[in-house]
PDB file of N, CA and C in Angstrom:
ATOM      1  N   MET A   1      50.886 -24.747   8.457  1.00  0.00           N
ATOM      2  CA  MET A   1      50.138 -24.092   7.401  1.00  0.00           C
ATOM      3  C   MET A   1      48.720 -23.842   7.913  1.00  0.00           C
ATOM      4  N   GLY A   2      48.201 -22.653   7.633  1.00  0.00           N
ATOM      5  CA  GLY A   2      46.862 -22.306   8.065  1.00  0.00           C
ATOM      6  C   GLY A   2      45.794 -22.798   7.097  1.00  0.00           C
ATOM      7  N   ALA A   3      44.552 -22.696   7.529  1.00  0.00           N
ATOM      8  CA  ALA A   3      43.424 -23.171   6.730  1.00  0.00           C
ATOM      9  C   ALA A   3      43.307 -22.417   5.410  1.00  0.00           C
ATOM     10  N   ILE A   4      43.542 -21.111   5.447  1.00  0.00           N
ATOM     11  CA  ILE A   4      43.431 -20.326   4.212  1.00  0.00           C
ATOM     12  C   ILE A   4      44.508 -20.750   3.222  1.00  0.00           C
ATOM     13  N   GLU A   5      45.746 -20.852   3.696  1.00  0.00           N
ATOM     14  CA  GLU A   5      46.829 -21.252   2.803  1.00  0.00           C
ATOM     15  C   GLU A   5      46.587 -22.645   2.229  1.00  0.00           C
ATOM     16  N   GLU A   6      46.070 -23.554   3.061  1.00  0.00           N
ATOM     17  CA  GLU A   6      45.777 -24.914   2.603  1.00  0.00           C
ATOM     18  C   GLU A   6      44.693 -24.903   1.528  1.00  0.00           C
ATOM     19  N   ALA A   7      43.648 -24.108   1.737  1.00  0.00           N
ATOM     20  CA  ALA A   7      42.562 -24.016   0.755  1.00  0.00           C
ATOM     21  C   ALA A   7      43.048 -23.391  -0.549  1.00  0.00           C
ATOM     22  N   VAL A   8      43.884 -22.368  -0.444  1.00  0.00           N
ATOM     23  CA  VAL A   8      44.423 -21.718  -1.645  1.00  0.00           C
ATOM     24  C   VAL A   8      45.352 -22.668  -2.385  1.00  0.00           C
ATOM     25  N   ASP A   9      46.199 -23.385  -1.666  1.00  0.00           N
ATOM     26  CA  ASP A   9      47.083 -24.358  -2.314  1.00  0.00           C
ATOM     27  C   ASP A   9      46.281 -25.426  -3.062  1.00  0.00           C
ATOM     28  N   LEU A  10      45.205 -25.902  -2.461  1.00  0.00           N
ATOM     29  CA  LEU A  10      44.352 -26.898  -3.112  1.00  0.00           C
ATOM     30  C   LEU A  10      43.698 -26.320  -4.369  1.00  0.00           C
ATOM     31  N   ALA A  11      43.205 -25.085  -4.264  1.00  0.00           N
ATOM     32  CA  ALA A  11      42.578 -24.440  -5.430  1.00  0.00           C
ATOM     33  C   ALA A  11      43.597 -24.259  -6.558  1.00  0.00           C
ATOM     34  N   ARG A  12      44.801 -23.859  -6.208  1.00  0.00           N
ATOM     35  CA  ARG A  12      45.849 -23.689  -7.230  1.00  0.00           C
ATOM     36  C   ARG A  12      46.218 -25.023  -7.862  1.00  0.00           C
ATOM     37  N   ALA A  13      46.247 -26.097  -7.062  1.00  0.00           N
ATOM     38  CA  ALA A  13      46.543 -27.430  -7.590  1.00  0.00           C
ATOM     39  C   ALA A  13      45.470 -27.873  -8.579  1.00  0.00           C
ATOM     40  N   GLN A  14      44.247 -27.334  -8.424  1.00  0.00           N
ATOM     41  CA  GLN A  14      43.147 -27.640  -9.339  1.00  0.00           C
ATOM     42  C   GLN A  14      43.132 -26.698 -10.549  1.00  0.00           C
ATOM     43  N   GLY A  15      44.151 -25.830 -10.656  1.00  0.00           N
ATOM     44  CA  GLY A  15      44.278 -24.941 -11.799  1.00  0.00           C
ATOM     45  C   GLY A  15      43.559 -23.616 -11.660  1.00  0.00           C
ATOM     46  N   LYS A  16      43.067 -23.307 -10.490  1.00  0.00           N
ATOM     47  CA  LYS A  16      42.353 -22.035 -10.282  1.00  0.00           C
ATOM     48  C   LYS A  16      43.366 -20.925 -10.030  1.00  0.00           C
ATOM     49  N   LYS A  17      43.044 -19.746 -10.522  1.00  0.00           N
ATOM     50  CA  LYS A  17      43.942 -18.605 -10.386  1.00  0.00           C
ATOM     51  C   LYS A  17      43.582 -17.813  -9.134  1.00  0.00           C
ATOM     52  N   VAL A  18      44.176 -18.209  -8.015  1.00  0.00           N
ATOM     53  CA  VAL A  18      43.949 -17.556  -6.730  1.00  0.00           C
ATOM     54  C   VAL A  18      45.286 -17.381  -6.014  1.00  0.00           C
ATOM     55  N   SER A  19      45.315 -16.444  -5.101  1.00  0.00           N
ATOM     56  CA  SER A  19      46.503 -16.190  -4.285  1.00  0.00           C
ATOM     57  C   SER A  19      46.053 -15.801  -2.894  1.00  0.00           C
ATOM     58  N   SER A  20      47.001 -15.793  -1.986  1.00  0.00           N
ATOM     59  CA  SER A  20      46.702 -15.308  -0.641  1.00  0.00           C
ATOM     60  C   SER A  20      47.875 -14.486  -0.140  1.00  0.00           C
ATOM     61  N   VAL A  21      47.582 -13.623   0.787  1.00  0.00           N
ATOM     62  CA  VAL A  21      48.624 -12.846   1.455  1.00  0.00           C
ATOM     63  C   VAL A  21      48.333 -12.929   2.953  1.00  0.00           C
ATOM     64  N   HIS A  22      49.380 -13.103   3.716  1.00  0.00           N
ATOM     65  CA  HIS A  22      49.249 -13.179   5.172  1.00  0.00           C
ATOM     66  C   HIS A  22      49.797 -11.878   5.747  1.00  0.00           C
ATOM     67  N   LEU A  23      48.930 -11.099   6.366  1.00  0.00           N
ATOM     68  CA  LEU A  23      49.359  -9.838   6.962  1.00  0.00           C
ATOM     69  C   LEU A  23      49.960 -10.101   8.332  1.00  0.00           C
ATOM     70  N   ARG A  24      51.183  -9.668   8.527  1.00  0.00           N
ATOM     71  CA  ARG A  24      51.841  -9.866   9.815  1.00  0.00           C
ATOM     72  C   ARG A  24      51.523  -8.737  10.785  1.00  0.00           C
ATOM     73  N   PHE A  25      51.270  -7.560  10.244  1.00  0.00           N
ATOM     74  CA  PHE A  25      51.005  -6.392  11.075  1.00  0.00           C
ATOM     75  C   PHE A  25      49.717  -5.722  10.624  1.00  0.00           C
ATOM     76  N   LEU A  26      48.921  -5.275  11.568  1.00  0.00           N
ATOM     77  CA  LEU A  26      47.704  -4.545  11.243  1.00  0.00           C
ATOM     78  C   LEU A  26      47.832  -3.068  11.575  1.00  0.00           C
ATOM     79  N   SER A  27      48.738  -2.729  12.469  1.00  0.00           N
ATOM     80  CA  SER A  27      48.933  -1.330  12.830  1.00  0.00           C
ATOM     81  C   SER A  27      50.406  -1.115  13.153  1.00  0.00           C
ATOM     82  N   PRO A  28      51.128  -0.475  12.291  1.00  0.00           N
ATOM     83  CA  PRO A  28      50.699   0.014  10.977  1.00  0.00           C
ATOM     84  C   PRO A  28      50.621  -1.135   9.974  1.00  0.00           C
ATOM     85  N   LEU A  29      49.783  -0.942   8.957  1.00  0.00           N
ATOM     86  CA  LEU A  29      49.681  -1.951   7.898  1.00  0.00           C
ATOM     87  C   LEU A  29      50.979  -1.991   7.104  1.00  0.00           C
ATOM     88  N   GLU A  30      51.252  -3.144   6.567  1.00  0.00           N
ATOM     89  CA  GLU A  30      52.471  -3.306   5.789  1.00  0.00           C
ATOM     90  C   GLU A  30      52.422  -2.430   4.537  1.00  0.00           C
ATOM     91  N   PRO A  31      53.550  -1.872   4.140  1.00  0.00           N
ATOM     92  CA  PRO A  31      53.578  -1.012   2.951  1.00  0.00           C
ATOM     93  C   PRO A  31      53.397  -1.826   1.669  1.00  0.00           C
ATOM     94  N   GLY A  32      52.884  -1.185   0.636  1.00  0.00           N
ATOM     95  CA  GLY A  32      52.779  -1.806  -0.672  1.00  0.00           C
ATOM     96  C   GLY A  32      51.517  -2.603  -0.931  1.00  0.00           C
ATOM     97  N   LEU A  33      50.569  -2.573  -0.003  1.00  0.00           N
ATOM     98  CA  LEU A  33      49.352  -3.372  -0.200  1.00  0.00           C
ATOM     99  C   LEU A  33      48.548  -2.902  -1.407  1.00  0.00           C
ATOM    100  N   LYS A  34      48.443  -1.606  -1.598  1.00  0.00           N
ATOM    101  CA  LYS A  34      47.660  -1.097  -2.732  1.00  0.00           C
ATOM    102  C   LYS A  34      48.251  -1.596  -4.053  1.00  0.00           C
ATOM    103  N   LYS A  35      49.565  -1.590  -4.160  1.00  0.00           N
ATOM    104  CA  LYS A  35      50.215  -2.078  -5.380  1.00  0.00           C
ATOM    105  C   LYS A  35      49.957  -3.570  -5.564  1.00  0.00           C
ATOM    106  N   ILE A  36      50.047  -4.334  -4.486  1.00  0.00           N
ATOM    107  CA  ILE A  36      49.771  -5.776  -4.562  1.00  0.00           C
ATOM    108  C   ILE A  36      48.333  -6.014  -5.000  1.00  0.00           C
ATOM    109  N   PHE A  37      47.391  -5.321  -4.371  1.00  0.00           N
ATOM    110  CA  PHE A  37      45.968  -5.516  -4.672  1.00  0.00           C
ATOM    111  C   PHE A  37      45.628  -5.106  -6.098  1.00  0.00           C
ATOM    112  N   SER A  38      46.357  -4.139  -6.651  1.00  0.00           N
ATOM    113  CA  SER A  38      46.038  -3.659  -8.001  1.00  0.00           C
ATOM    114  C   SER A  38      46.281  -4.721  -9.063  1.00  0.00           C
ATOM    115  N   GLY A  39      47.025  -5.782  -8.735  1.00  0.00           N
ATOM    116  CA  GLY A  39      47.297  -6.839  -9.694  1.00  0.00           C
ATOM    117  C   GLY A  39      46.223  -7.916  -9.766  1.00  0.00           C
ATOM    118  N   PHE A  40      45.106  -7.720  -9.051  1.00  0.00           N
ATOM    119  CA  PHE A  40      44.057  -8.731  -8.993  1.00  0.00           C
ATOM    120  C   PHE A  40      42.712  -8.175  -9.424  1.00  0.00           C
ATOM    121  N   LYS A  41      41.888  -9.029 -10.039  1.00  0.00           N
ATOM    122  CA  LYS A  41      40.532  -8.632 -10.428  1.00  0.00           C
ATOM    123  C   LYS A  41      39.657  -8.425  -9.212  1.00  0.00           C
ATOM    124  N   LYS A  42      39.824  -9.274  -8.208  1.00  0.00           N
ATOM    125  CA  LYS A  42      38.980  -9.238  -7.015  1.00  0.00           C
ATOM    126  C   LYS A  42      39.843  -9.518  -5.796  1.00  0.00           C
ATOM    127  N   VAL A  43      39.636  -8.731  -4.752  1.00  0.00           N
ATOM    128  CA  VAL A  43      40.331  -8.933  -3.482  1.00  0.00           C
ATOM    129  C   VAL A  43      39.269  -9.116  -2.417  1.00  0.00           C
ATOM    130  N   MET A  44      39.447 -10.132  -1.578  1.00  0.00           N
ATOM    131  CA  MET A  44      38.496 -10.338  -0.484  1.00  0.00           C
ATOM    132  C   MET A  44      39.217 -10.876   0.736  1.00  0.00           C
ATOM    133  N   THR A  45      38.642 -10.591   1.881  1.00  0.00           N
ATOM    134  CA  THR A  45      39.173 -11.130   3.125  1.00  0.00           C
ATOM    135  C   THR A  45      38.324 -12.324   3.550  1.00  0.00           C
ATOM    136  N   ILE A  46      38.947 -13.221   4.269  1.00  0.00           N
ATOM    137  CA  ILE A  46      38.238 -14.332   4.904  1.00  0.00           C
ATOM    138  C   ILE A  46      38.506 -14.171   6.387  1.00  0.00           C
ATOM    139  N   GLU A  47      37.441 -13.953   7.156  1.00  0.00           N
ATOM    140  CA  GLU A  47      37.609 -13.606   8.561  1.00  0.00           C
ATOM    141  C   GLU A  47      36.644 -14.363   9.460  1.00  0.00           C
ATOM    142  N   ILE A  48      37.102 -14.571  10.683  1.00  0.00           N
ATOM    143  CA  ILE A  48      36.191 -15.006  11.740  1.00  0.00           C
ATOM    144  C   ILE A  48      35.732 -13.702  12.383  1.00  0.00           C
ATOM    145  N   ASN A  49      34.656 -13.174  11.857  1.00  0.00           N
ATOM    146  CA  ASN A  49      34.162 -11.868  12.244  1.00  0.00           C
ATOM    147  C   ASN A  49      32.747 -11.734  11.687  1.00  0.00           C
ATOM    148  N   TYR A  50      32.106 -10.600  11.917  1.00  0.00           N
ATOM    149  CA  TYR A  50      30.752 -10.411  11.414  1.00  0.00           C
ATOM    150  C   TYR A  50      30.745  -9.520  10.178  1.00  0.00           C
ATOM    151  N   SER A  51      29.928  -9.896   9.209  1.00  0.00           N
ATOM    152  CA  SER A  51      29.589  -9.030   8.078  1.00  0.00           C
ATOM    153  C   SER A  51      28.246  -9.499   7.539  1.00  0.00           C
ATOM    154  N   ASP A  52      27.575  -8.596   6.839  1.00  0.00           N
ATOM    155  CA  ASP A  52      26.309  -8.966   6.213  1.00  0.00           C
ATOM    156  C   ASP A  52      26.582  -9.768   4.947  1.00  0.00           C
ATOM    157  N   ASP A  53      25.763 -10.763   4.691  1.00  0.00           N
ATOM    158  CA  ASP A  53      25.824 -11.514   3.449  1.00  0.00           C
ATOM    159  C   ASP A  53      25.289 -10.598   2.345  1.00  0.00           C
ATOM    160  N   PRO A  54      26.036 -10.416   1.259  1.00  0.00           N
ATOM    161  CA  PRO A  54      25.558  -9.508   0.209  1.00  0.00           C
ATOM    162  C   PRO A  54      24.241  -9.941  -0.426  1.00  0.00           C
ATOM    163  N   ASP A  55      23.878 -11.218  -0.303  1.00  0.00           N
ATOM    164  CA  ASP A  55      22.626 -11.717  -0.885  1.00  0.00           C
ATOM    165  C   ASP A  55      21.470 -11.727   0.118  1.00  0.00           C
ATOM    166  N   ALA A  56      21.702 -11.234   1.325  1.00  0.00           N
ATOM    167  CA  ALA A  56      20.646 -11.234   2.343  1.00  0.00           C
ATOM    168  C   ALA A  56      19.537 -10.249   1.960  1.00  0.00           C
ATOM    169  N   PRO A  57      18.318 -10.540   2.367  1.00  0.00           N
ATOM    170  CA  PRO A  57      17.212  -9.623   2.074  1.00  0.00           C
ATOM    171  C   PRO A  57      17.477  -8.243   2.676  1.00  0.00           C
ATOM    172  N   MET A  58      17.120  -7.232   1.938  1.00  0.00           N
ATOM    173  CA  MET A  58      17.215  -5.831   2.364  1.00  0.00           C
ATOM    174  C   MET A  58      18.657  -5.336   2.518  1.00  0.00           C
ATOM    175  N   ILE A  59      19.640  -6.094   2.041  1.00  0.00           N
ATOM    176  CA  ILE A  59      21.036  -5.672   2.085  1.00  0.00           C
ATOM    177  C   ILE A  59      21.450  -5.247   0.684  1.00  0.00           C
ATOM    178  N   ASN A  60      22.056  -4.070   0.595  1.00  0.00           N
ATOM    179  CA  ASN A  60      22.591  -3.592  -0.669  1.00  0.00           C
ATOM    180  C   ASN A  60      23.967  -2.983  -0.412  1.00  0.00           C
ATOM    181  N   GLU A  61      24.611  -2.470  -1.435  1.00  0.00           N
ATOM    182  CA  GLU A  61      25.957  -1.910  -1.286  1.00  0.00           C
ATOM    183  C   GLU A  61      26.000  -0.735  -0.310  1.00  0.00           C
ATOM    184  N   GLU A  62      24.904   0.007  -0.204  1.00  0.00           N
ATOM    185  CA  GLU A  62      24.897   1.189   0.671  1.00  0.00           C
ATOM    186  C   GLU A  62      24.775   0.840   2.150  1.00  0.00           C
ATOM    187  N   ASN A  63      24.060  -0.231   2.488  1.00  0.00           N
ATOM    188  CA  ASN A  63      23.848  -0.522   3.903  1.00  0.00           C
ATOM    189  C   ASN A  63      24.559  -1.794   4.383  1.00  0.00           C
ATOM    190  N   ARG A  64      25.308  -2.441   3.515  1.00  0.00           N
ATOM    191  CA  ARG A  64      26.002  -3.676   3.908  1.00  0.00           C
ATOM    192  C   ARG A  64      27.130  -3.373   4.897  1.00  0.00           C
ATOM    193  N   ARG A  65      27.127  -4.093   5.989  1.00  0.00           N
ATOM    194  CA  ARG A  65      28.209  -3.991   6.967  1.00  0.00           C
ATOM    195  C   ARG A  65      29.263  -5.024   6.606  1.00  0.00           C
ATOM    196  N   ILE A  66      30.497  -4.560   6.435  1.00  0.00           N
ATOM    197  CA  ILE A  66      31.580  -5.470   6.081  1.00  0.00           C
ATOM    198  C   ILE A  66      32.458  -5.722   7.302  1.00  0.00           C
ATOM    199  N   SER A  67      33.191  -6.815   7.275  1.00  0.00           N
ATOM    200  CA  SER A  67      34.019  -7.193   8.419  1.00  0.00           C
ATOM    201  C   SER A  67      35.155  -6.194   8.638  1.00  0.00           C
ATOM    202  N   GLN A  68      35.739  -6.258   9.820  1.00  0.00           N
ATOM    203  CA  GLN A  68      36.690  -5.239  10.243  1.00  0.00           C
ATOM    204  C   GLN A  68      37.937  -5.160   9.385  1.00  0.00           C
ATOM    205  N   LEU A  69      38.554  -6.286   9.067  1.00  0.00           N
ATOM    206  CA  LEU A  69      39.777  -6.232   8.272  1.00  0.00           C
ATOM    207  C   LEU A  69      39.491  -5.679   6.884  1.00  0.00           C
ATOM    208  N   ALA A  70      38.406  -6.111   6.264  1.00  0.00           N
ATOM    209  CA  ALA A  70      38.046  -5.581   4.948  1.00  0.00           C
ATOM    210  C   ALA A  70      37.826  -4.071   5.028  1.00  0.00           C
ATOM    211  N   PHE A  71      37.171  -3.619   6.084  1.00  0.00           N
ATOM    212  CA  PHE A  71      36.921  -2.194   6.272  1.00  0.00           C
ATOM    213  C   PHE A  71      38.236  -1.415   6.392  1.00  0.00           C
ATOM    214  N   VAL A  72      39.159  -1.915   7.192  1.00  0.00           N
ATOM    215  CA  VAL A  72      40.450  -1.239   7.383  1.00  0.00           C
ATOM    216  C   VAL A  72      41.247  -1.230   6.077  1.00  0.00           C
ATOM    217  N   LEU A  73      41.275  -2.360   5.373  1.00  0.00           N
ATOM    218  CA  LEU A  73      42.023  -2.422   4.117  1.00  0.00           C
ATOM    219  C   LEU A  73      41.420  -1.514   3.052  1.00  0.00           C
ATOM    220  N   ARG A  74      40.100  -1.428   2.995  1.00  0.00           N
ATOM    221  CA  ARG A  74      39.439  -0.527   2.045  1.00  0.00           C
ATOM    222  C   ARG A  74      39.822   0.918   2.335  1.00  0.00           C
ATOM    223  N   ALA A  75      39.788   1.287   3.605  1.00  0.00           N
ATOM    224  CA  ALA A  75      40.118   2.661   3.989  1.00  0.00           C
ATOM    225  C   ALA A  75      41.586   2.977   3.697  1.00  0.00           C
ATOM    226  N   HIS A  76      42.452   2.024   3.923  1.00  0.00           N
ATOM    227  CA  HIS A  76      43.888   2.251   3.755  1.00  0.00           C
ATOM    228  C   HIS A  76      44.322   2.276   2.290  1.00  0.00           C
ATOM    229  N   THR A  77      43.732   1.402   1.466  1.00  0.00           N
ATOM    230  CA  THR A  77      44.203   1.254   0.089  1.00  0.00           C
ATOM    231  C   THR A  77      43.285   1.896  -0.948  1.00  0.00           C
ATOM    232  N   LEU A  78      42.057   2.214  -0.562  1.00  0.00           N
ATOM    233  CA  LEU A  78      41.041   2.733  -1.486  1.00  0.00           C
ATOM    234  C   LEU A  78      40.731   1.730  -2.604  1.00  0.00           C
ATOM    235  N   VAL A  79      40.877   0.447  -2.296  1.00  0.00           N
ATOM    236  CA  VAL A  79      40.550  -0.636  -3.212  1.00  0.00           C
ATOM    237  C   VAL A  79      39.246  -1.262  -2.730  1.00  0.00           C
ATOM    238  N   ASP A  80      38.357  -1.614  -3.673  1.00  0.00           N
ATOM    239  CA  ASP A  80      37.087  -2.248  -3.314  1.00  0.00           C
ATOM    240  C   ASP A  80      37.359  -3.681  -2.878  1.00  0.00           C
ATOM    241  N   ILE A  81      37.402  -3.900  -1.588  1.00  0.00           N
ATOM    242  CA  ILE A  81      37.721  -5.207  -1.028  1.00  0.00           C
ATOM    243  C   ILE A  81      36.449  -5.831  -0.476  1.00  0.00           C
ATOM    244  N   ASP A  82      36.144  -7.028  -0.946  1.00  0.00           N
ATOM    245  CA  ASP A  82      34.972  -7.753  -0.472  1.00  0.00           C
ATOM    246  C   ASP A  82      35.386  -8.598   0.729  1.00  0.00           C
ATOM    247  N   CYS A  83      34.418  -9.200   1.373  1.00  0.00           N
ATOM    248  CA  CYS A  83      34.744 -10.038   2.526  1.00  0.00           C
ATOM    249  C   CYS A  83      33.800 -11.228   2.596  1.00  0.00           C
ATOM    250  N   TRP A  84      34.291 -12.254   3.216  1.00  0.00           N
ATOM    251  CA  TRP A  84      33.472 -13.386   3.620  1.00  0.00           C
ATOM    252  C   TRP A  84      33.826 -13.627   5.066  1.00  0.00           C
ATOM    253  N   SER A  85      32.840 -13.714   5.896  1.00  0.00           N
ATOM    254  CA  SER A  85      33.127 -13.915   7.307  1.00  0.00           C
ATOM    255  C   SER A  85      32.099 -14.839   7.927  1.00  0.00           C
ATOM    256  N   LYS A  86      32.509 -15.419   9.016  1.00  0.00           N
ATOM    257  CA  LYS A  86      31.657 -16.348   9.734  1.00  0.00           C
ATOM    258  C   LYS A  86      32.125 -16.349  11.182  1.00  0.00           C
ATOM    259  N   VAL A  87      31.210 -16.569  12.095  1.00  0.00           N
ATOM    260  CA  VAL A  87      31.556 -16.651  13.511  1.00  0.00           C
ATOM    261  C   VAL A  87      31.073 -18.018  14.021  1.00  0.00           C
ATOM    262  N   PRO A  88      31.822 -19.089  13.699  1.00  0.00           N
ATOM    263  CA  PRO A  88      31.356 -20.430  14.057  1.00  0.00           C
ATOM    264  C   PRO A  88      31.694 -20.867  15.480  1.00  0.00           C
ATOM    265  N   GLY A  89      32.573 -20.144  16.160  1.00  0.00           N
ATOM    266  CA  GLY A  89      32.971 -20.549  17.496  1.00  0.00           C
ATOM    267  C   GLY A  89      34.124 -21.545  17.492  1.00  0.00           C
ATOM    268  N   HIS A  90      34.669 -21.820  16.303  1.00  0.00           N
ATOM    269  CA  HIS A  90      35.823 -22.696  16.172  1.00  0.00           C
ATOM    270  C   HIS A  90      36.584 -22.274  14.918  1.00  0.00           C
ATOM    271  N   PRO A  91      37.838 -22.709  14.756  1.00  0.00           N
ATOM    272  CA  PRO A  91      38.618 -22.304  13.578  1.00  0.00           C
ATOM    273  C   PRO A  91      37.936 -22.720  12.272  1.00  0.00           C
ATOM    274  N   LEU A  92      38.137 -21.926  11.256  1.00  0.00           N
ATOM    275  CA  LEU A  92      37.606 -22.255   9.935  1.00  0.00           C
ATOM    276  C   LEU A  92      38.384 -23.429   9.356  1.00  0.00           C
ATOM    277  N   GLN A  93      37.686 -24.291   8.649  1.00  0.00           N
ATOM    278  CA  GLN A  93      38.293 -25.471   8.048  1.00  0.00           C
ATOM    279  C   GLN A  93      38.630 -25.192   6.580  1.00  0.00           C
ATOM    280  N   PRO A  94      39.713 -25.788   6.065  1.00  0.00           N
ATOM    281  CA  PRO A  94      40.088 -25.573   4.668  1.00  0.00           C
ATOM    282  C   PRO A  94      38.961 -25.896   3.695  1.00  0.00           C
ATOM    283  N   GLY A  95      38.173 -26.930   3.960  1.00  0.00           N
ATOM    284  CA  GLY A  95      37.072 -27.286   3.056  1.00  0.00           C
ATOM    285  C   GLY A  95      36.036 -26.184   2.956  1.00  0.00           C
ATOM    286  N   THR A  96      35.726 -25.540   4.067  1.00  0.00           N
ATOM    287  CA  THR A  96      34.773 -24.424   4.076  1.00  0.00           C
ATOM    288  C   THR A  96      35.318 -23.266   3.258  1.00  0.00           C
ATOM    289  N   ILE A  97      36.581 -22.946   3.477  1.00  0.00           N
ATOM    290  CA  ILE A  97      37.204 -21.851   2.739  1.00  0.00           C
ATOM    291  C   ILE A  97      37.276 -22.186   1.251  1.00  0.00           C
ATOM    292  N   GLY A  98      37.574 -23.436   0.923  1.00  0.00           N
ATOM    293  CA  GLY A  98      37.607 -23.869  -0.479  1.00  0.00           C
ATOM    294  C   GLY A  98      36.266 -23.670  -1.168  1.00  0.00           C
ATOM    295  N   LYS A  99      35.178 -23.957  -0.463  1.00  0.00           N
ATOM    296  CA  LYS A  99      33.842 -23.738  -1.032  1.00  0.00           C
ATOM    297  C   LYS A  99      33.582 -22.261  -1.287  1.00  0.00           C
ATOM    298  N   VAL A 100      34.052 -21.404  -0.394  1.00  0.00           N
ATOM    299  CA  VAL A 100      33.898 -19.953  -0.574  1.00  0.00           C
ATOM    300  C   VAL A 100      34.693 -19.494  -1.792  1.00  0.00           C
ATOM    301  N   ILE A 101      35.924 -19.977  -1.917  1.00  0.00           N
ATOM    302  CA  ILE A 101      36.752 -19.627  -3.076  1.00  0.00           C
ATOM    303  C   ILE A 101      36.058 -20.060  -4.362  1.00  0.00           C
ATOM    304  N   ASP A 102      35.564 -21.295  -4.407  1.00  0.00           N
ATOM    305  CA  ASP A 102      34.880 -21.801  -5.601  1.00  0.00           C
ATOM    306  C   ASP A 102      33.655 -20.954  -5.946  1.00  0.00           C
ATOM    307  N   ALA A 103      32.873 -20.584  -4.933  1.00  0.00           N
ATOM    308  CA  ALA A 103      31.666 -19.789  -5.179  1.00  0.00           C
ATOM    309  C   ALA A 103      32.018 -18.411  -5.727  1.00  0.00           C
ATOM    310  N   ARG A 104      33.019 -17.767  -5.155  1.00  0.00           N
ATOM    311  CA  ARG A 104      33.400 -16.431  -5.637  1.00  0.00           C
ATOM    312  C   ARG A 104      33.994 -16.487  -7.032  1.00  0.00           C
ATOM    313  N   LEU A 105      34.784 -17.521  -7.329  1.00  0.00           N
ATOM    314  CA  LEU A 105      35.320 -17.662  -8.683  1.00  0.00           C
ATOM    315  C   LEU A 105      34.191 -17.882  -9.687  1.00  0.00           C
ATOM    316  N   ALA A 106      33.191 -18.670  -9.320  1.00  0.00           N
ATOM    317  CA  ALA A 106      32.050 -18.903 -10.206  1.00  0.00           C
ATOM    318  C   ALA A 106      31.300 -17.599 -10.458  1.00  0.00           C
ATOM    319  N   GLU A 107      31.153 -16.761  -9.426  1.00  0.00           N
ATOM    320  CA  GLU A 107      30.499 -15.458  -9.599  1.00  0.00           C
ATOM    321  C   GLU A 107      31.283 -14.594 -10.577  1.00  0.00           C
ATOM    322  N   LEU A 108      32.616 -14.567 -10.427  1.00  0.00           N
ATOM    323  CA  LEU A 108      33.442 -13.767 -11.325  1.00  0.00           C
ATOM    324  C   LEU A 108      33.360 -14.277 -12.753  1.00  0.00           C
ATOM    325  N   GLU A 109      33.413 -15.596 -12.942  1.00  0.00           N
ATOM    326  CA  GLU A 109      33.326 -16.172 -14.287  1.00  0.00           C
ATOM    327  C   GLU A 109      31.968 -15.882 -14.909  1.00  0.00           C
ATOM    328  N   GLY A 110      30.911 -15.927 -14.102  1.00  0.00           N
ATOM    329  CA  GLY A 110      29.577 -15.607 -14.591  1.00  0.00           C
ATOM    330  C   GLY A 110      29.459 -14.160 -15.021  1.00  0.00           C
ATOM    331  N   ALA A 111      30.078 -13.271 -14.265  1.00  0.00           N
ATOM    332  CA  ALA A 111      30.060 -11.852 -14.595  1.00  0.00           C
ATOM    333  C   ALA A 111      30.846 -11.584 -15.877  1.00  0.00           C
ATOM    334  N   GLU A 112      31.971 -12.287 -16.040  1.00  0.00           N
ATOM    335  CA  GLU A 112      32.774 -12.105 -17.249  1.00  0.00           C
ATOM    336  C   GLU A 112      32.039 -12.618 -18.479  1.00  0.00           C
ATOM    337  N   SER A 113      31.337 -13.748 -18.374  1.00  0.00           N
ATOM    338  CA  SER A 113      30.636 -14.303 -19.523  1.00  0.00           C
ATOM    339  C   SER A 113      29.423 -13.434 -19.900  1.00  0.00           C
ATOM    340  N   CYS A 114      28.831 -12.756 -18.931  1.00  0.00           N
ATOM    341  CA  CYS A 114      27.705 -11.878 -19.214  1.00  0.00           C
ATOM    342  C   CYS A 114      28.134 -10.598 -19.922  1.00  0.00           C
ATOM    343  N   SER A 115      29.378 -10.134 -19.607  1.00  0.00           N
ATOM    344  CA  SER A 115      29.829  -8.868 -20.188  1.00  0.00           C
ATOM    345  C   SER A 115      30.568  -9.078 -21.503  1.00  0.00           C
ATOM    346  N   ALA A 116      30.852 -10.315 -21.861  1.00  0.00           N
ATOM    347  CA  ALA A 116      31.614 -10.591 -23.080  1.00  0.00           C
ATOM    348  C   ALA A 116      30.736 -10.527 -24.307  1.00  0.00           C
TER     349      ALA A 116
END
């Protein structure tokens, strides 16, 4: 089991509504991704790659550089896909990914409570 799957399983065990998909092929991309993504409020990639932090100074939606997989999936599906990426020089740990999941869920819950 990979770090992402382990982190998602832990989040689900805590009652959080999250899922993961493991892409086996990148070229060509697997069929049906747009339909799968349409069933979720938010889709994001977790990558060992570079992207700008959306909260970084002078970064906005127009100039933010997103990681490669998120970029390819956005182009292929026309779905607004966010990303979280890091280049630590070693594999990502489930605890790190779990913290990212928790932070993004908190952002979504905060946005929902503000619009309600």
